[in-house]
Amino acid sequence: MDWVKALSHADVSLCSTHYDLILLDLMLPDGNGIDLLNKIRKSGETTPVIILTAREQLSDRIAGLNTAQMIIW
């Protein structure tokens, strides 16, 4: 198990380690977790992702679900 607090650190970890599950917060100090999830899915990675967020907007939830399912469909 690894815990990273920034997108830049997540990129490094994801390149060097295979994870069985990713727990992703959308509100990170150096960017948006959706951008990282989009990058993960575009690379062909199908690791399950659980998204956590304090955002309340329905549009944020829809964006997260759409990005998470990008490769699955």
PDB file of N, CA and C in Angstrom:
ATOM      1  N   MET A   1       0.841  -1.169   0.000  1.00  0.00           N
ATOM      2  CA  MET A   1       0.000   0.000   0.000  1.00  0.00           C
ATOM      3  C   MET A   1       0.892   1.241   0.000  1.00  0.00           C
ATOM      4  N   ASP A   2       0.563   2.175  -0.869  1.00  0.00           N
ATOM      5  CA  ASP A   2       1.275   3.444  -0.936  1.00  0.00           C
ATOM      6  C   ASP A   2       0.262   4.572  -0.773  1.00  0.00           C
ATOM      7  N   TRP A   3       0.715   5.651  -0.200  1.00  0.00           N
ATOM      8  CA  TRP A   3      -0.123   6.835  -0.062  1.00  0.00           C
ATOM      9  C   TRP A   3       0.657   8.008  -0.623  1.00  0.00           C
ATOM     10  N   VAL A   4       0.102   8.628  -1.654  1.00  0.00           N
ATOM     11  CA  VAL A   4       0.727   9.811  -2.226  1.00  0.00           C
ATOM     12  C   VAL A   4      -0.242  10.973  -2.099  1.00  0.00           C
ATOM     13  N   LYS A   5       0.315  12.163  -1.916  1.00  0.00           N
ATOM     14  CA  LYS A   5      -0.519  13.328  -1.637  1.00  0.00           C
ATOM     15  C   LYS A   5      -0.606  14.310  -2.799  1.00  0.00           C
ATOM     16  N   ALA A   6      -0.024  13.970  -3.944  1.00  0.00           N
ATOM     17  CA  ALA A   6      -0.017  14.885  -5.083  1.00  0.00           C
ATOM     18  C   ALA A   6      -0.031  14.084  -6.386  1.00  0.00           C
ATOM     19  N   LEU A   7      -0.561  14.689  -7.432  1.00  0.00           N
ATOM     20  CA  LEU A   7      -0.616  14.037  -8.738  1.00  0.00           C
ATOM     21  C   LEU A   7       0.774  13.679  -9.249  1.00  0.00           C
ATOM     22  N   SER A   8       1.722  14.550  -9.036  1.00  0.00           N
ATOM     23  CA  SER A   8       3.086  14.292  -9.514  1.00  0.00           C
ATOM     24  C   SER A   8       3.669  13.032  -8.874  1.00  0.00           C
ATOM     25  N   HIS A   9       3.383  12.800  -7.626  1.00  0.00           N
ATOM     26  CA  HIS A   9       3.868  11.595  -6.951  1.00  0.00           C
ATOM     27  C   HIS A   9       3.094  10.362  -7.405  1.00  0.00           C
ATOM     28  N   ALA A  10       1.810  10.553  -7.695  1.00  0.00           N
ATOM     29  CA  ALA A  10       0.991   9.435  -8.172  1.00  0.00           C
ATOM     30  C   ALA A  10       1.511   8.925  -9.509  1.00  0.00           C
ATOM     31  N   ASP A  11       1.893   9.827 -10.404  1.00  0.00           N
ATOM     32  CA  ASP A  11       2.445   9.421 -11.699  1.00  0.00           C
ATOM     33  C   ASP A  11       3.651   8.514 -11.519  1.00  0.00           C
ATOM     34  N   VAL A  12       4.539   8.890 -10.628  1.00  0.00           N
ATOM     35  CA  VAL A  12       5.743   8.096 -10.383  1.00  0.00           C
ATOM     36  C   VAL A  12       5.373   6.722  -9.830  1.00  0.00           C
ATOM     37  N   SER A  13       4.476   6.693  -8.873  1.00  0.00           N
ATOM     38  CA  SER A  13       4.072   5.426  -8.255  1.00  0.00           C
ATOM     39  C   SER A  13       3.386   4.503  -9.254  1.00  0.00           C
ATOM     40  N   LEU A  14       2.516   5.077 -10.082  1.00  0.00           N
ATOM     41  CA  LEU A  14       1.784   4.267 -11.052  1.00  0.00           C
ATOM     42  C   LEU A  14       2.692   3.705 -12.146  1.00  0.00           C
ATOM     43  N   CYS A  15       3.776   4.378 -12.435  1.00  0.00           N
ATOM     44  CA  CYS A  15       4.729   3.887 -13.438  1.00  0.00           C
ATOM     45  C   CYS A  15       5.597   2.752 -12.907  1.00  0.00           C
ATOM     46  N   SER A  16       5.781   2.704 -11.602  1.00  0.00           N
ATOM     47  CA  SER A  16       6.720   1.733 -11.034  1.00  0.00           C
ATOM     48  C   SER A  16       6.054   0.578 -10.286  1.00  0.00           C
ATOM     49  N   THR A  17       4.755   0.677 -10.023  1.00  0.00           N
ATOM     50  CA  THR A  17       4.083  -0.326  -9.202  1.00  0.00           C
ATOM     51  C   THR A  17       2.720  -0.667  -9.792  1.00  0.00           C
ATOM     52  N   HIS A  18       2.362  -1.965  -9.753  1.00  0.00           N
ATOM     53  CA  HIS A  18       1.011  -2.368 -10.140  1.00  0.00           C
ATOM     54  C   HIS A  18       0.149  -2.398  -8.875  1.00  0.00           C
ATOM     55  N   TYR A  19      -1.008  -1.792  -8.950  1.00  0.00           N
ATOM     56  CA  TYR A  19      -1.927  -1.756  -7.815  1.00  0.00           C
ATOM     57  C   TYR A  19      -3.181  -2.565  -8.131  1.00  0.00           C
ATOM     58  N   ASP A  20      -3.734  -3.200  -7.099  1.00  0.00           N
ATOM     59  CA  ASP A  20      -4.988  -3.935  -7.260  1.00  0.00           C
ATOM     60  C   ASP A  20      -6.194  -3.012  -7.171  1.00  0.00           C
ATOM     61  N   LEU A  21      -6.009  -1.852  -6.553  1.00  0.00           N
ATOM     62  CA  LEU A  21      -7.084  -0.883  -6.366  1.00  0.00           C
ATOM     63  C   LEU A  21      -6.469   0.496  -6.179  1.00  0.00           C
ATOM     64  N   ILE A  22      -7.130   1.504  -6.732  1.00  0.00           N
ATOM     65  CA  ILE A  22      -6.692   2.885  -6.538  1.00  0.00           C
ATOM     66  C   ILE A  22      -7.813   3.630  -5.833  1.00  0.00           C
ATOM     67  N   LEU A  23      -7.481   4.250  -4.725  1.00  0.00           N
ATOM     68  CA  LEU A  23      -8.399   5.111  -3.989  1.00  0.00           C
ATOM     69  C   LEU A  23      -7.991   6.541  -4.324  1.00  0.00           C
ATOM     70  N   LEU A  24      -8.858   7.262  -5.026  1.00  0.00           N
ATOM     71  CA  LEU A  24      -8.484   8.540  -5.614  1.00  0.00           C
ATOM     72  C   LEU A  24      -9.349   9.682  -5.092  1.00  0.00           C
ATOM     73  N   ASP A  25      -8.689  10.689  -4.557  1.00  0.00           N
ATOM     74  CA  ASP A  25      -9.365  11.925  -4.153  1.00  0.00           C
ATOM     75  C   ASP A  25      -9.318  12.875  -5.344  1.00  0.00           C
ATOM     76  N   LEU A  26     -10.413  13.520  -5.662  1.00  0.00           N
ATOM     77  CA  LEU A  26     -10.440  14.418  -6.811  1.00  0.00           C
ATOM     78  C   LEU A  26      -9.802  15.768  -6.527  1.00  0.00           C
ATOM     79  N   MET A  27      -9.759  16.158  -5.276  1.00  0.00           N
ATOM     80  CA  MET A  27      -9.239  17.479  -4.924  1.00  0.00           C
ATOM     81  C   MET A  27      -7.831  17.334  -4.353  1.00  0.00           C
ATOM     82  N   LEU A  28      -6.839  17.448  -5.227  1.00  0.00           N
ATOM     83  CA  LEU A  28      -5.447  17.310  -4.823  1.00  0.00           C
ATOM     84  C   LEU A  28      -4.753  18.660  -4.917  1.00  0.00           C
ATOM     85  N   PRO A  29      -3.695  18.865  -4.144  1.00  0.00           N
ATOM     86  CA  PRO A  29      -3.067  20.188  -4.098  1.00  0.00           C
ATOM     87  C   PRO A  29      -2.477  20.654  -5.424  1.00  0.00           C
ATOM     88  N   ASP A  30      -2.106  19.719  -6.285  1.00  0.00           N
ATOM     89  CA  ASP A  30      -1.476  20.124  -7.544  1.00  0.00           C
ATOM     90  C   ASP A  30      -2.311  19.793  -8.779  1.00  0.00           C
ATOM     91  N   GLY A  31      -3.602  19.552  -8.588  1.00  0.00           N
ATOM     92  CA  GLY A  31      -4.446  19.296  -9.750  1.00  0.00           C
ATOM     93  C   GLY A  31      -5.705  18.529  -9.420  1.00  0.00           C
ATOM     94  N   ASN A  32      -6.359  18.079 -10.479  1.00  0.00           N
ATOM     95  CA  ASN A  32      -7.648  17.414 -10.386  1.00  0.00           C
ATOM     96  C   ASN A  32      -7.458  15.910 -10.570  1.00  0.00           C
ATOM     97  N   GLY A  33      -8.014  15.128  -9.666  1.00  0.00           N
ATOM     98  CA  GLY A  33      -7.911  13.677  -9.752  1.00  0.00           C
ATOM     99  C   GLY A  33      -8.524  13.110 -11.025  1.00  0.00           C
ATOM    100  N   ILE A  34      -9.517  13.790 -11.600  1.00  0.00           N
ATOM    101  CA  ILE A  34     -10.122  13.335 -12.853  1.00  0.00           C
ATOM    102  C   ILE A  34      -9.071  13.319 -13.965  1.00  0.00           C
ATOM    103  N   ASP A  35      -8.178  14.296 -13.963  1.00  0.00           N
ATOM    104  CA  ASP A  35      -7.116  14.332 -14.978  1.00  0.00           C
ATOM    105  C   ASP A  35      -6.211  13.109 -14.854  1.00  0.00           C
ATOM    106  N   LEU A  36      -5.886  12.729 -13.631  1.00  0.00           N
ATOM    107  CA  LEU A  36      -5.065  11.534 -13.419  1.00  0.00           C
ATOM    108  C   LEU A  36      -5.827  10.288 -13.861  1.00  0.00           C
ATOM    109  N   LEU A  37      -7.082  10.186 -13.506  1.00  0.00           N
ATOM    110  CA  LEU A  37      -7.887   9.029 -13.893  1.00  0.00           C
ATOM    111  C   LEU A  37      -7.991   8.936 -15.410  1.00  0.00           C
ATOM    112  N   ASN A  38      -8.163  10.057 -16.070  1.00  0.00           N
ATOM    113  CA  ASN A  38      -8.221  10.080 -17.527  1.00  0.00           C
ATOM    114  C   ASN A  38      -6.918   9.546 -18.118  1.00  0.00           C
ATOM    115  N   LYS A  39      -5.797   9.974 -17.575  1.00  0.00           N
ATOM    116  CA  LYS A  39      -4.488   9.514 -18.035  1.00  0.00           C
ATOM    117  C   LYS A  39      -4.324   8.006 -17.810  1.00  0.00           C
ATOM    118  N   ILE A  40      -4.760   7.538 -16.642  1.00  0.00           N
ATOM    119  CA  ILE A  40      -4.675   6.111 -16.322  1.00  0.00           C
ATOM    120  C   ILE A  40      -5.472   5.298 -17.333  1.00  0.00           C
ATOM    121  N   ARG A  41      -6.695   5.705 -17.588  1.00  0.00           N
ATOM    122  CA  ARG A  41      -7.563   4.956 -18.504  1.00  0.00           C
ATOM    123  C   ARG A  41      -7.062   5.024 -19.946  1.00  0.00           C
ATOM    124  N   LYS A  42      -6.561   6.159 -20.373  1.00  0.00           N
ATOM    125  CA  LYS A  42      -6.042   6.274 -21.743  1.00  0.00           C
ATOM    126  C   LYS A  42      -4.807   5.413 -21.958  1.00  0.00           C
ATOM    127  N   SER A  43      -4.092   5.106 -20.878  1.00  0.00           N
ATOM    128  CA  SER A  43      -2.908   4.245 -21.000  1.00  0.00           C
ATOM    129  C   SER A  43      -3.294   2.777 -21.124  1.00  0.00           C
ATOM    130  N   GLY A  44      -4.575   2.472 -20.953  1.00  0.00           N
ATOM    131  CA  GLY A  44      -5.046   1.097 -21.051  1.00  0.00           C
ATOM    132  C   GLY A  44      -5.161   0.387 -19.721  1.00  0.00           C
ATOM    133  N   GLU A  45      -4.825   1.064 -18.656  1.00  0.00           N
ATOM    134  CA  GLU A  45      -4.882   0.484 -17.307  1.00  0.00           C
ATOM    135  C   GLU A  45      -6.338   0.303 -16.891  1.00  0.00           C
ATOM    136  N   THR A  46      -6.670  -0.877 -16.400  1.00  0.00           N
ATOM    137  CA  THR A  46      -8.049  -1.180 -15.993  1.00  0.00           C
ATOM    138  C   THR A  46      -8.186  -1.416 -14.491  1.00  0.00           C
ATOM    139  N   THR A  47      -7.201  -1.012 -13.721  1.00  0.00           N
ATOM    140  CA  THR A  47      -7.248  -1.159 -12.267  1.00  0.00           C
ATOM    141  C   THR A  47      -8.520  -0.499 -11.731  1.00  0.00           C
ATOM    142  N   PRO A  48      -9.262  -1.181 -10.862  1.00  0.00           N
ATOM    143  CA  PRO A  48     -10.457  -0.562 -10.272  1.00  0.00           C
ATOM    144  C   PRO A  48     -10.090   0.705  -9.497  1.00  0.00           C
ATOM    145  N   VAL A  49     -10.971   1.704  -9.564  1.00  0.00           N
ATOM    146  CA  VAL A  49     -10.740   2.980  -8.904  1.00  0.00           C
ATOM    147  C   VAL A  49     -11.968   3.333  -8.069  1.00  0.00           C
ATOM    148  N   ILE A  50     -11.734   3.680  -6.818  1.00  0.00           N
ATOM    149  CA  ILE A  50     -12.779   4.241  -5.954  1.00  0.00           C
ATOM    150  C   ILE A  50     -12.478   5.721  -5.824  1.00  0.00           C
ATOM    151  N   ILE A  51     -13.453   6.545  -6.164  1.00  0.00           N
ATOM    152  CA  ILE A  51     -13.266   7.990  -6.141  1.00  0.00           C
ATOM    153  C   ILE A  51     -13.882   8.561  -4.872  1.00  0.00           C
ATOM    154  N   LEU A  52     -13.092   9.380  -4.173  1.00  0.00           N
ATOM    155  CA  LEU A  52     -13.571  10.120  -3.017  1.00  0.00           C
ATOM    156  C   LEU A  52     -13.559  11.599  -3.356  1.00  0.00           C
ATOM    157  N   THR A  53     -14.554  12.321  -2.905  1.00  0.00           N
ATOM    158  CA  THR A  53     -14.557  13.754  -3.148  1.00  0.00           C
ATOM    159  C   THR A  53     -15.494  14.467  -2.189  1.00  0.00           C
ATOM    160  N   ALA A  54     -15.165  15.712  -1.933  1.00  0.00           N
ATOM    161  CA  ALA A  54     -16.042  16.568  -1.149  1.00  0.00           C
ATOM    162  C   ALA A  54     -16.948  17.386  -2.069  1.00  0.00           C
ATOM    163  N   ARG A  55     -16.745  17.230  -3.360  1.00  0.00           N
ATOM    164  CA  ARG A  55     -17.563  17.966  -4.319  1.00  0.00           C
ATOM    165  C   ARG A  55     -18.995  17.459  -4.283  1.00  0.00           C
ATOM    166  N   GLU A  56     -19.930  18.357  -4.424  1.00  0.00           N
ATOM    167  CA  GLU A  56     -21.340  18.000  -4.303  1.00  0.00           C
ATOM    168  C   GLU A  56     -22.091  17.985  -5.627  1.00  0.00           C
ATOM    169  N   GLN A  57     -21.510  18.553  -6.657  1.00  0.00           N
ATOM    170  CA  GLN A  57     -22.231  18.713  -7.913  1.00  0.00           C
ATOM    171  C   GLN A  57     -22.447  17.371  -8.618  1.00  0.00           C
ATOM    172  N   LEU A  58     -23.625  17.201  -9.161  1.00  0.00           N
ATOM    173  CA  LEU A  58     -23.938  16.015  -9.935  1.00  0.00           C
ATOM    174  C   LEU A  58     -22.986  15.881 -11.120  1.00  0.00           C
ATOM    175  N   SER A  59     -22.622  16.993 -11.715  1.00  0.00           N
ATOM    176  CA  SER A  59     -21.715  16.967 -12.872  1.00  0.00           C
ATOM    177  C   SER A  59     -20.356  16.368 -12.502  1.00  0.00           C
ATOM    178  N   ASP A  60     -19.887  16.585 -11.276  1.00  0.00           N
ATOM    179  CA  ASP A  60     -18.622  15.991 -10.835  1.00  0.00           C
ATOM    180  C   ASP A  60     -18.746  14.474 -10.739  1.00  0.00           C
ATOM    181  N   ARG A  61     -19.858  14.004 -10.242  1.00  0.00           N
ATOM    182  CA  ARG A  61     -20.073  12.559 -10.135  1.00  0.00           C
ATOM    183  C   ARG A  61     -20.150  11.917 -11.519  1.00  0.00           C
ATOM    184  N   ILE A  62     -20.850  12.561 -12.421  1.00  0.00           N
ATOM    185  CA  ILE A  62     -20.985  12.038 -13.776  1.00  0.00           C
ATOM    186  C   ILE A  62     -19.626  12.010 -14.472  1.00  0.00           C
ATOM    187  N   ALA A  63     -18.845  13.069 -14.329  1.00  0.00           N
ATOM    188  CA  ALA A  63     -17.511  13.113 -14.938  1.00  0.00           C
ATOM    189  C   ALA A  63     -16.640  11.979 -14.408  1.00  0.00           C
ATOM    190  N   GLY A  64     -16.705  11.737 -13.113  1.00  0.00           N
ATOM    191  CA  GLY A  64     -15.920  10.649 -12.522  1.00  0.00           C
ATOM    192  C   GLY A  64     -16.331   9.288 -13.056  1.00  0.00           C
ATOM    193  N   LEU A  65     -17.616   9.050 -13.128  1.00  0.00           N
ATOM    194  CA  LEU A  65     -18.101   7.765 -13.645  1.00  0.00           C
ATOM    195  C   LEU A  65     -17.759   7.588 -15.123  1.00  0.00           C
ATOM    196  N   ASN A  66     -17.936   8.638 -15.892  1.00  0.00           N
ATOM    197  CA  ASN A  66     -17.614   8.545 -17.323  1.00  0.00           C
ATOM    198  C   ASN A  66     -16.138   8.261 -17.548  1.00  0.00           C
ATOM    199  N   THR A  67     -15.283   8.903 -16.803  1.00  0.00           N
ATOM    200  CA  THR A  67     -13.841   8.694 -16.958  1.00  0.00           C
ATOM    201  C   THR A  67     -13.444   7.311 -16.467  1.00  0.00           C
ATOM    202  N   ALA A  68     -13.994   6.866 -15.361  1.00  0.00           N
ATOM    203  CA  ALA A  68     -13.661   5.561 -14.803  1.00  0.00           C
ATOM    204  C   ALA A  68     -14.045   4.438 -15.746  1.00  0.00           C
ATOM    205  N   GLN A  69     -15.101   4.617 -16.503  1.00  0.00           N
ATOM    206  CA  GLN A  69     -15.596   3.562 -17.393  1.00  0.00           C
ATOM    207  C   GLN A  69     -15.046   3.678 -18.803  1.00  0.00           C
ATOM    208  N   MET A  70     -14.217   4.656 -19.067  1.00  0.00           N
ATOM    209  CA  MET A  70     -13.734   4.939 -20.421  1.00  0.00           C
ATOM    210  C   MET A  70     -13.207   3.694 -21.125  1.00  0.00           C
ATOM    211  N   ILE A  71     -12.401   2.911 -20.461  1.00  0.00           N
ATOM    212  CA  ILE A  71     -11.784   1.741 -21.089  1.00  0.00           C
ATOM    213  C   ILE A  71     -12.691   0.516 -21.002  1.00  0.00           C
ATOM    214  N   ILE A  72     -13.503   0.433 -19.985  1.00  0.00           N
ATOM    215  CA  ILE A  72     -14.341  -0.735 -19.767  1.00  0.00           C
ATOM    216  C   ILE A  72     -15.353  -0.900 -20.900  1.00  0.00           C
ATOM    217  N   TRP A  73     -15.883   0.194 -21.391  1.00  0.00           N
ATOM    218  CA  TRP A  73     -16.879   0.109 -22.458  1.00  0.00           C
ATOM    219  C   TRP A  73     -16.202  -0.257 -23.705  1.00  0.00           C
TER     220      TRP A  73
END
